[in-house]
Amino acid sequence: METTNGFEIDFLPQGTGADGGDAIVIRFGKLKATPPEQKVIVIDGGYKASAASLVNLIKNTYKTNVVDLVILTHPDQDHASGLRVLFEDTELKIKKLVMHRPWLNDKINTSYFKDKKKTEKSLNKHLEEAFYFAFDLSVLAEEKIGESNISEPKVGSKYLDDTLTILGPTFELYKDSLINSDKTPPAKDEYIKESQQTFSTDESEYEDYKAGDKITWYDEETTNWINETSVICLFEYEGNKILLTGDAGKKGLNNAFAYAKEKGISLKDLKIFQVPHHGSRKNLDPALLDAFNSSFCIISCPPKGDPNHPSRRLINLMIQKGKSVYTNSNGMINWGINKPERNWKSSEAKTVFPKIEK
């Protein structure tokens, strides 16, 4: 009988062309036992069209029909819709789901919005419709695992014998981000919407770059408010730490890093850092890159996302700061310790781009 503990994490490729998504699976325990003595965590499910690969990984590679924890980081289609397939599978037993459900949260109420004609009932209906993919998943999950097994993510909450901890967002950041979203009714005056510039990049608009050049950073670039609602969680097992970030932006990451510092949680010894939002440069800045150290930085990005996902400017900055960056644009990425061998070839770290987007 195998007695050695191990774990592995899989970053599944999602989407086609320039449209990517996130689907991440972790398992830990005695992975080489027969059958494996393990716990399984799914963080986001990508697109519905790609979800068969997620189900196949759990059933045929992990050799189990049990998923101990599912986390939906935020309600966008490229994170939520694939989870529906997971919950529809009659063979899979899912024990717990963690997700925001603002249509059920009595702290998200009409007092924050300008429209005084809206009732709490009509506001909740609006939120159900605005966040259809998440609402649809919630309804399906209630039927499959029961209301008592669905919970809101709260900073500091721990799961599965403290192997996974929620670091963000705080409720205040979540509320402000939700209220400022263009998917919700207009906010009251005290909630001032930030300008969310759209920076489209023509593929011909590059500038030359050579190693050592100073990289200009554009602090005014910001991700959208819904991305800032992303759940940020830290997985810790056998001395290895993995920070998973969804599509969190600068606000969300700074929020989570501040909480970690307050609680004495070091992010200077990460094994893996998931680069948020498919490698968008709007979600990170030089100061945030200096706030953590990791052996690997992994980006879930579409096969034809270049030059926006991942951003060439961001990749070069990360390499300049000593980060090893990998993407799953050409196939699944797997990493772990004391895990069954898959006989895959090693992934290659990204190298400096000689031209970066302007």
Protein backbone atom coordinates (compact mmCIF):
# COMPACT_ATOMS: atom_id res chain seq x y z
CA MET A 1 0.00 0.00 0.00
CA GLU A 2 1.38 3.41 -1.03
CA THR A 3 1.76 5.66 2.03
CA THR A 4 3.51 8.73 0.58
CA ASN A 5 1.51 11.92 0.32
CA GLY A 6 1.51 13.80 -2.95
CA PHE A 7 -0.42 16.33 -4.96
CA GLU A 8 -0.82 17.60 -8.50
CA ILE A 9 -2.47 20.50 -10.26
CA ASP A 10 -3.79 20.62 -13.82
CA PHE A 11 -4.42 23.77 -15.87
CA LEU A 12 -6.76 22.68 -18.66
CA PRO A 13 -6.77 24.60 -21.95
CA GLN A 14 -10.12 26.24 -22.63
CA GLY A 15 -11.76 27.92 -25.57
CA THR A 16 -10.72 28.30 -29.19
CA GLY A 17 -9.05 30.99 -31.22
CA ALA A 18 -8.62 34.15 -29.16
CA ASP A 19 -11.26 33.23 -26.54
CA GLY A 20 -9.82 31.47 -23.50
CA GLY A 21 -11.04 30.48 -20.05
CA ASP A 22 -9.99 28.93 -16.75
CA ALA A 23 -10.43 25.34 -15.56
CA ILE A 24 -8.09 24.17 -12.81
CA VAL A 25 -8.12 20.90 -10.87
CA ILE A 26 -6.06 19.94 -7.82
CA ARG A 27 -5.86 16.59 -6.09
CA PHE A 28 -3.86 15.65 -3.01
CA GLY A 29 -3.36 12.66 -0.71
CA LYS A 30 -1.97 9.20 -1.37
CA LEU A 31 -2.20 9.47 -5.14
CA LYS A 32 -0.35 6.22 -5.91
CA ALA A 33 -2.59 4.06 -3.74
CA THR A 34 -5.07 1.73 -5.44
CA PRO A 35 -7.58 3.27 -5.57
CA PRO A 36 -6.11 6.73 -4.86
CA GLU A 37 -6.80 8.06 -1.36
CA GLN A 38 -7.32 11.67 -2.32
CA LYS A 39 -9.24 14.90 -2.18
CA VAL A 40 -10.19 16.74 -5.39
CA ILE A 41 -10.71 20.50 -5.85
CA VAL A 42 -12.06 22.15 -9.02
CA ILE A 43 -11.53 25.88 -9.44
CA ASP A 44 -13.58 27.22 -12.36
CA GLY A 45 -14.80 25.08 -15.22
CA GLY A 46 -14.07 27.02 -18.39
CA TYR A 47 -16.51 26.80 -21.28
CA LYS A 48 -19.32 24.28 -21.57
CA ALA A 49 -17.97 23.10 -24.94
CA SER A 50 -14.62 22.18 -23.33
CA ALA A 51 -15.98 20.67 -20.13
CA ALA A 52 -15.81 17.05 -21.32
CA SER A 53 -12.03 17.20 -20.83
CA LEU A 54 -12.57 18.31 -17.23
CA VAL A 55 -14.92 15.43 -16.48
CA ASN A 56 -12.61 12.98 -18.25
CA LEU A 57 -9.61 14.12 -16.19
CA ILE A 58 -11.46 13.51 -12.92
CA LYS A 59 -12.97 10.17 -13.87
CA ASN A 60 -10.25 8.57 -15.96
CA THR A 61 -6.98 10.16 -14.84
CA TYR A 62 -7.79 10.78 -11.18
CA LYS A 63 -9.89 7.59 -11.18
CA THR A 64 -12.64 8.94 -8.98
CA ASN A 65 -16.26 10.06 -9.13
CA VAL A 66 -15.93 12.31 -6.07
CA VAL A 67 -15.18 16.05 -6.14
CA ASP A 68 -14.71 17.41 -2.63
CA LEU A 69 -14.79 21.13 -3.37
CA VAL A 70 -15.76 23.34 -6.32
CA ILE A 71 -14.99 27.07 -6.38
CA LEU A 72 -16.41 29.51 -8.92
CA THR A 73 -14.12 32.54 -8.78
CA HIS A 74 -16.52 34.92 -10.57
CA PRO A 75 -19.58 34.74 -12.84
CA ASP A 76 -18.10 35.15 -16.34
CA GLN A 77 -19.03 32.53 -18.92
CA ASP A 78 -15.44 31.36 -19.47
CA HIS A 79 -15.23 30.34 -15.81
CA ALA A 80 -18.79 29.31 -14.95
CA SER A 81 -20.46 27.54 -17.86
CA GLY A 82 -18.24 24.43 -17.82
CA LEU A 83 -19.13 23.80 -14.18
CA ARG A 84 -22.70 23.15 -15.26
CA VAL A 85 -21.50 20.02 -17.10
CA LEU A 86 -19.76 18.90 -13.92
CA PHE A 87 -22.98 19.23 -11.90
CA GLU A 88 -25.08 17.63 -14.64
CA ASP A 89 -22.97 14.46 -14.61
CA THR A 90 -25.01 11.86 -12.75
CA GLU A 91 -21.95 9.76 -11.89
CA LEU A 92 -20.08 12.55 -10.13
CA LYS A 93 -20.63 13.22 -6.44
CA ILE A 94 -19.86 16.84 -5.54
CA LYS A 95 -19.64 17.65 -1.86
CA LYS A 96 -19.39 21.45 -1.67
CA LEU A 97 -19.66 24.53 -3.89
CA VAL A 98 -18.27 27.97 -2.99
CA MET A 99 -19.53 30.90 -5.08
CA HIS A 100 -20.92 34.41 -4.78
CA ARG A 101 -24.71 34.61 -5.20
CA PRO A 102 -25.57 38.32 -4.98
CA TRP A 103 -29.25 37.70 -5.75
CA LEU A 104 -29.49 35.90 -2.39
CA ASN A 105 -27.25 38.19 -0.36
CA ASP A 106 -29.35 40.58 1.75
CA LYS A 107 -26.30 42.84 2.16
CA ILE A 108 -26.58 43.69 -1.56
CA ASN A 109 -29.77 45.74 -1.47
CA THR A 110 -31.57 48.66 -3.09
CA SER A 111 -30.04 51.23 -0.72
CA TYR A 112 -26.89 51.23 -2.86
CA PHE A 113 -28.67 52.12 -6.11
CA LYS A 114 -30.22 55.27 -7.57
CA ASP A 115 -33.41 53.68 -8.88
CA LYS A 116 -35.88 54.00 -6.01
CA LYS A 117 -38.54 52.18 -8.01
CA LYS A 118 -36.60 48.96 -7.69
CA THR A 119 -37.77 46.60 -4.99
CA GLU A 120 -35.55 44.00 -3.37
CA LYS A 121 -37.39 41.39 -5.43
CA SER A 122 -36.84 43.20 -8.73
CA LEU A 123 -33.18 43.86 -7.86
CA ASN A 124 -32.62 40.18 -7.17
CA LYS A 125 -34.33 39.29 -10.45
CA HIS A 126 -32.07 41.74 -12.25
CA LEU A 127 -28.98 40.14 -10.67
CA GLU A 128 -30.17 36.65 -11.60
CA GLU A 129 -30.51 37.73 -15.22
CA ALA A 130 -27.29 39.76 -15.31
CA PHE A 131 -25.24 36.86 -13.97
CA TYR A 132 -27.05 34.14 -15.85
CA PHE A 133 -24.20 31.61 -16.02
CA ALA A 134 -23.62 31.76 -12.26
CA PHE A 135 -27.34 31.75 -11.47
CA ASP A 136 -27.90 28.76 -13.73
CA LEU A 137 -25.09 26.91 -11.96
CA SER A 138 -26.55 27.83 -8.55
CA VAL A 139 -29.97 26.41 -9.43
CA LEU A 140 -28.43 23.18 -10.71
CA ALA A 141 -26.20 22.88 -7.63
CA GLU A 142 -29.14 23.37 -5.26
CA GLU A 143 -30.85 20.40 -6.92
CA LYS A 144 -27.73 18.19 -6.90
CA ILE A 145 -26.06 18.87 -3.55
CA GLY A 146 -28.60 20.93 -1.57
CA GLU A 147 -28.59 24.51 -0.37
CA SER A 148 -26.66 23.64 2.80
CA ASN A 149 -23.63 22.60 0.74
CA ILE A 150 -23.34 25.92 -1.12
CA SER A 151 -21.61 28.81 0.63
CA GLU A 152 -20.41 32.35 -0.06
CA PRO A 153 -16.63 32.82 -0.16
CA LYS A 154 -15.47 34.72 2.92
CA VAL A 155 -11.96 35.97 3.57
CA GLY A 156 -10.23 33.68 6.03
CA SER A 157 -12.48 30.67 5.37
CA LYS A 158 -10.58 27.38 5.21
CA TYR A 159 -11.53 24.12 3.53
CA LEU A 160 -10.39 20.49 3.46
CA ASP A 161 -8.31 20.40 6.63
CA ASP A 162 -7.02 23.93 6.07
CA THR A 163 -5.35 23.11 2.74
CA LEU A 164 -7.23 25.91 1.00
CA THR A 165 -7.74 29.42 2.39
CA ILE A 166 -9.75 32.29 0.88
CA LEU A 167 -7.59 35.44 0.79
CA GLY A 168 -9.96 37.73 -1.10
CA PRO A 169 -11.94 39.68 -1.90
CA THR A 170 -13.20 41.27 1.31
CA PHE A 171 -16.93 41.84 1.32
CA GLU A 172 -16.43 45.61 0.99
CA LEU A 173 -14.35 45.23 -2.16
CA TYR A 174 -16.77 42.65 -3.53
CA LYS A 175 -19.75 44.91 -2.86
CA ASP A 176 -18.12 47.99 -4.38
CA SER A 177 -16.97 46.04 -7.44
CA LEU A 178 -20.39 44.49 -7.96
CA ILE A 179 -22.21 47.80 -7.54
CA ASN A 180 -19.88 49.56 -9.97
CA SER A 181 -20.28 46.84 -12.57
CA ASP A 182 -22.04 47.72 -15.80
CA LYS A 183 -24.16 44.60 -15.22
CA THR A 184 -25.95 46.17 -12.26
CA PRO A 185 -28.34 49.16 -11.96
CA PRO A 186 -26.73 52.62 -11.70
CA ALA A 187 -25.03 53.18 -8.35
CA LYS A 188 -25.78 56.01 -5.96
CA ASP A 189 -23.51 59.03 -6.25
CA GLU A 190 -21.08 57.88 -3.56
CA TYR A 191 -20.09 55.00 -5.85
CA ILE A 192 -18.10 56.63 -8.64
CA LYS A 193 -17.45 54.42 -11.62
CA GLU A 194 -13.86 54.30 -12.78
CA SER A 195 -13.18 54.78 -16.45
CA GLN A 196 -12.62 51.33 -17.86
CA GLN A 197 -10.62 52.08 -20.98
CA THR A 198 -10.57 49.57 -23.76
CA PHE A 199 -7.10 49.17 -25.18
CA SER A 200 -7.41 47.36 -28.47
CA THR A 201 -4.11 46.31 -29.98
CA ASP A 202 -3.64 46.03 -33.69
CA GLU A 203 -1.28 43.13 -34.31
CA SER A 204 0.96 45.38 -36.44
CA GLU A 205 1.46 47.90 -33.62
CA TYR A 206 4.60 46.71 -31.88
CA GLU A 207 7.71 48.34 -30.54
CA ASP A 208 11.17 46.76 -30.40
CA TYR A 209 12.44 45.34 -27.15
CA LYS A 210 15.76 43.88 -26.13
CA ALA A 211 16.66 42.31 -22.82
CA GLY A 212 17.45 44.92 -20.20
CA ASP A 213 15.35 47.69 -21.77
CA LYS A 214 13.22 49.62 -19.28
CA ILE A 215 9.59 48.60 -19.74
CA THR A 216 7.10 51.44 -19.50
CA TRP A 217 4.02 50.55 -17.47
CA TYR A 218 0.60 52.15 -17.94
CA ASP A 219 -0.99 52.43 -14.51
CA GLU A 220 -4.22 53.86 -15.93
CA GLU A 221 -5.05 50.50 -17.50
CA THR A 222 -7.55 48.68 -15.29
CA THR A 223 -9.55 45.50 -15.58
CA ASN A 224 -13.35 45.55 -15.36
CA TRP A 225 -15.22 45.58 -12.07
CA ILE A 226 -16.58 42.05 -12.36
CA ASN A 227 -13.04 40.69 -12.58
CA GLU A 228 -12.35 42.43 -9.26
CA THR A 229 -14.98 40.20 -7.61
CA SER A 230 -12.78 37.15 -8.30
CA VAL A 231 -12.14 34.80 -5.41
CA ILE A 232 -8.42 34.54 -4.60
CA CYS A 233 -7.37 31.41 -2.76
CA LEU A 234 -4.19 29.87 -1.41
CA PHE A 235 -3.63 26.11 -1.59
CA GLU A 236 -1.00 24.75 0.84
CA TYR A 237 0.12 21.13 1.03
CA GLU A 238 3.32 19.41 2.13
CA GLY A 239 5.14 22.75 2.24
CA ASN A 240 4.01 23.82 -1.26
CA LYS A 241 1.91 26.94 -1.83
CA ILE A 242 -0.17 27.76 -4.90
CA LEU A 243 -1.93 31.11 -5.30
CA LEU A 244 -5.00 30.99 -7.58
CA THR A 245 -6.34 34.35 -8.70
CA GLY A 246 -9.19 33.97 -11.22
CA ASP A 247 -9.42 37.23 -13.17
CA ALA A 248 -8.61 39.46 -10.18
CA GLY A 249 -7.25 42.91 -10.90
CA LYS A 250 -4.92 45.23 -9.02
CA LYS A 251 -7.52 46.09 -6.38
CA GLY A 252 -8.32 42.45 -5.67
CA LEU A 253 -4.69 41.36 -5.56
CA ASN A 254 -3.61 44.24 -3.33
CA ASN A 255 -6.61 43.46 -1.11
CA ALA A 256 -5.60 39.80 -0.82
CA PHE A 257 -1.90 40.52 -0.33
CA ALA A 258 -2.73 42.97 2.47
CA TYR A 259 -4.84 40.31 4.21
CA ALA A 260 -2.06 37.74 3.85
CA LYS A 261 0.45 40.16 5.37
CA GLU A 262 -1.92 40.96 8.23
CA LYS A 263 -2.26 37.25 9.02
CA GLY A 264 1.44 36.51 8.68
CA ILE A 265 1.01 34.47 5.51
CA SER A 266 4.12 34.73 3.34
CA LEU A 267 3.68 34.95 -0.43
CA LYS A 268 7.41 35.08 -1.00
CA ASP A 269 7.67 31.29 -1.17
CA LEU A 270 4.98 30.27 -3.66
CA LYS A 271 5.51 27.20 -5.80
CA ILE A 272 2.95 28.40 -8.40
CA PHE A 273 1.35 31.79 -9.05
CA GLN A 274 -1.60 31.77 -11.44
CA VAL A 275 -1.30 34.92 -13.53
CA PRO A 276 -4.80 36.45 -13.53
CA HIS A 277 -7.10 37.08 -16.50
CA HIS A 278 -5.18 35.04 -19.06
CA GLY A 279 -2.08 37.22 -18.78
CA SER A 280 -3.70 40.62 -19.28
CA ARG A 281 -1.43 43.54 -18.46
CA LYS A 282 -4.42 45.39 -16.96
CA ASN A 283 -4.43 43.10 -13.89
CA LEU A 284 -0.83 43.41 -12.67
CA ASP A 285 1.80 46.08 -12.16
CA PRO A 286 5.50 46.09 -11.21
CA ALA A 287 4.78 46.54 -7.48
CA LEU A 288 2.47 43.51 -7.41
CA LEU A 289 5.09 41.42 -9.20
CA ASP A 290 7.55 42.36 -6.47
CA ALA A 291 5.09 41.33 -3.74
CA PHE A 292 5.48 37.58 -4.37
CA ASN A 293 8.09 35.03 -5.36
CA SER A 294 7.21 31.77 -7.08
CA SER A 295 8.94 28.91 -8.84
CA PHE A 296 6.45 28.99 -11.70
CA CYS A 297 3.96 31.55 -13.03
CA ILE A 298 1.27 29.87 -15.09
CA ILE A 299 -1.13 31.54 -17.51
CA SER A 300 -4.32 29.98 -18.85
CA CYS A 301 -4.61 31.61 -22.26
CA PRO A 302 -6.21 30.83 -25.62
CA PRO A 303 -4.23 29.30 -28.49
CA LYS A 304 -4.54 32.43 -30.64
CA GLY A 305 -4.65 35.06 -27.92
CA ASP A 306 -1.36 36.77 -28.81
CA PRO A 307 -0.66 39.67 -28.42
CA ASN A 308 -3.36 40.49 -25.84
CA HIS A 309 -3.59 37.20 -23.90
CA PRO A 310 -0.95 36.91 -22.72
CA SER A 311 0.41 40.42 -22.97
CA ARG A 312 3.90 40.47 -24.43
CA ARG A 313 4.69 43.56 -22.37
CA LEU A 314 3.68 41.72 -19.18
CA ILE A 315 5.61 38.55 -20.09
CA ASN A 316 8.80 40.54 -20.71
CA LEU A 317 8.38 42.45 -17.45
CA MET A 318 7.87 39.22 -15.52
CA ILE A 319 10.96 37.65 -17.09
CA GLN A 320 12.92 40.83 -16.34
CA LYS A 321 11.90 40.40 -12.69
CA GLY A 322 13.15 36.83 -12.63
CA LYS A 323 9.83 35.01 -13.03
CA SER A 324 9.55 31.74 -14.96
CA VAL A 325 6.39 31.99 -17.06
CA TYR A 326 4.47 29.13 -18.68
CA THR A 327 1.23 29.02 -20.67
CA ASN A 328 -1.22 26.25 -21.55
CA SER A 329 -1.98 27.68 -24.99
CA ASN A 330 -0.66 24.48 -26.60
CA GLY A 331 -2.10 21.97 -24.14
CA MET A 332 -2.69 21.04 -20.51
CA ILE A 333 -0.07 21.92 -17.91
CA ASN A 334 0.46 19.52 -15.01
CA TRP A 335 2.75 19.86 -12.00
CA GLY A 336 3.06 18.07 -8.69
CA ILE A 337 5.05 15.89 -6.29
CA ASN A 338 4.80 12.15 -5.56
CA LYS A 339 2.19 11.72 -8.27
CA PRO A 340 1.57 9.05 -10.91
CA GLU A 341 3.74 9.49 -13.99
CA ARG A 342 2.02 10.60 -17.20
CA ASN A 343 5.05 10.42 -19.51
CA TRP A 344 4.46 13.92 -20.84
CA LYS A 345 7.18 16.14 -22.20
CA SER A 346 8.29 19.08 -20.10
CA SER A 347 6.78 22.49 -20.79
CA GLU A 348 9.12 25.25 -21.87
CA ALA A 349 9.19 28.61 -20.14
CA LYS A 350 8.35 31.68 -22.20
CA THR A 351 11.27 33.66 -23.53
CA VAL A 352 11.60 37.39 -24.09
CA PHE A 353 9.58 38.79 -26.99
CA PRO A 354 11.74 40.91 -29.35
CA LYS A 355 8.66 43.03 -30.08
CA ILE A 356 5.97 44.04 -27.58
CA GLU A 357 2.57 45.65 -28.01
CA LYS A 358 2.52 49.45 -27.79
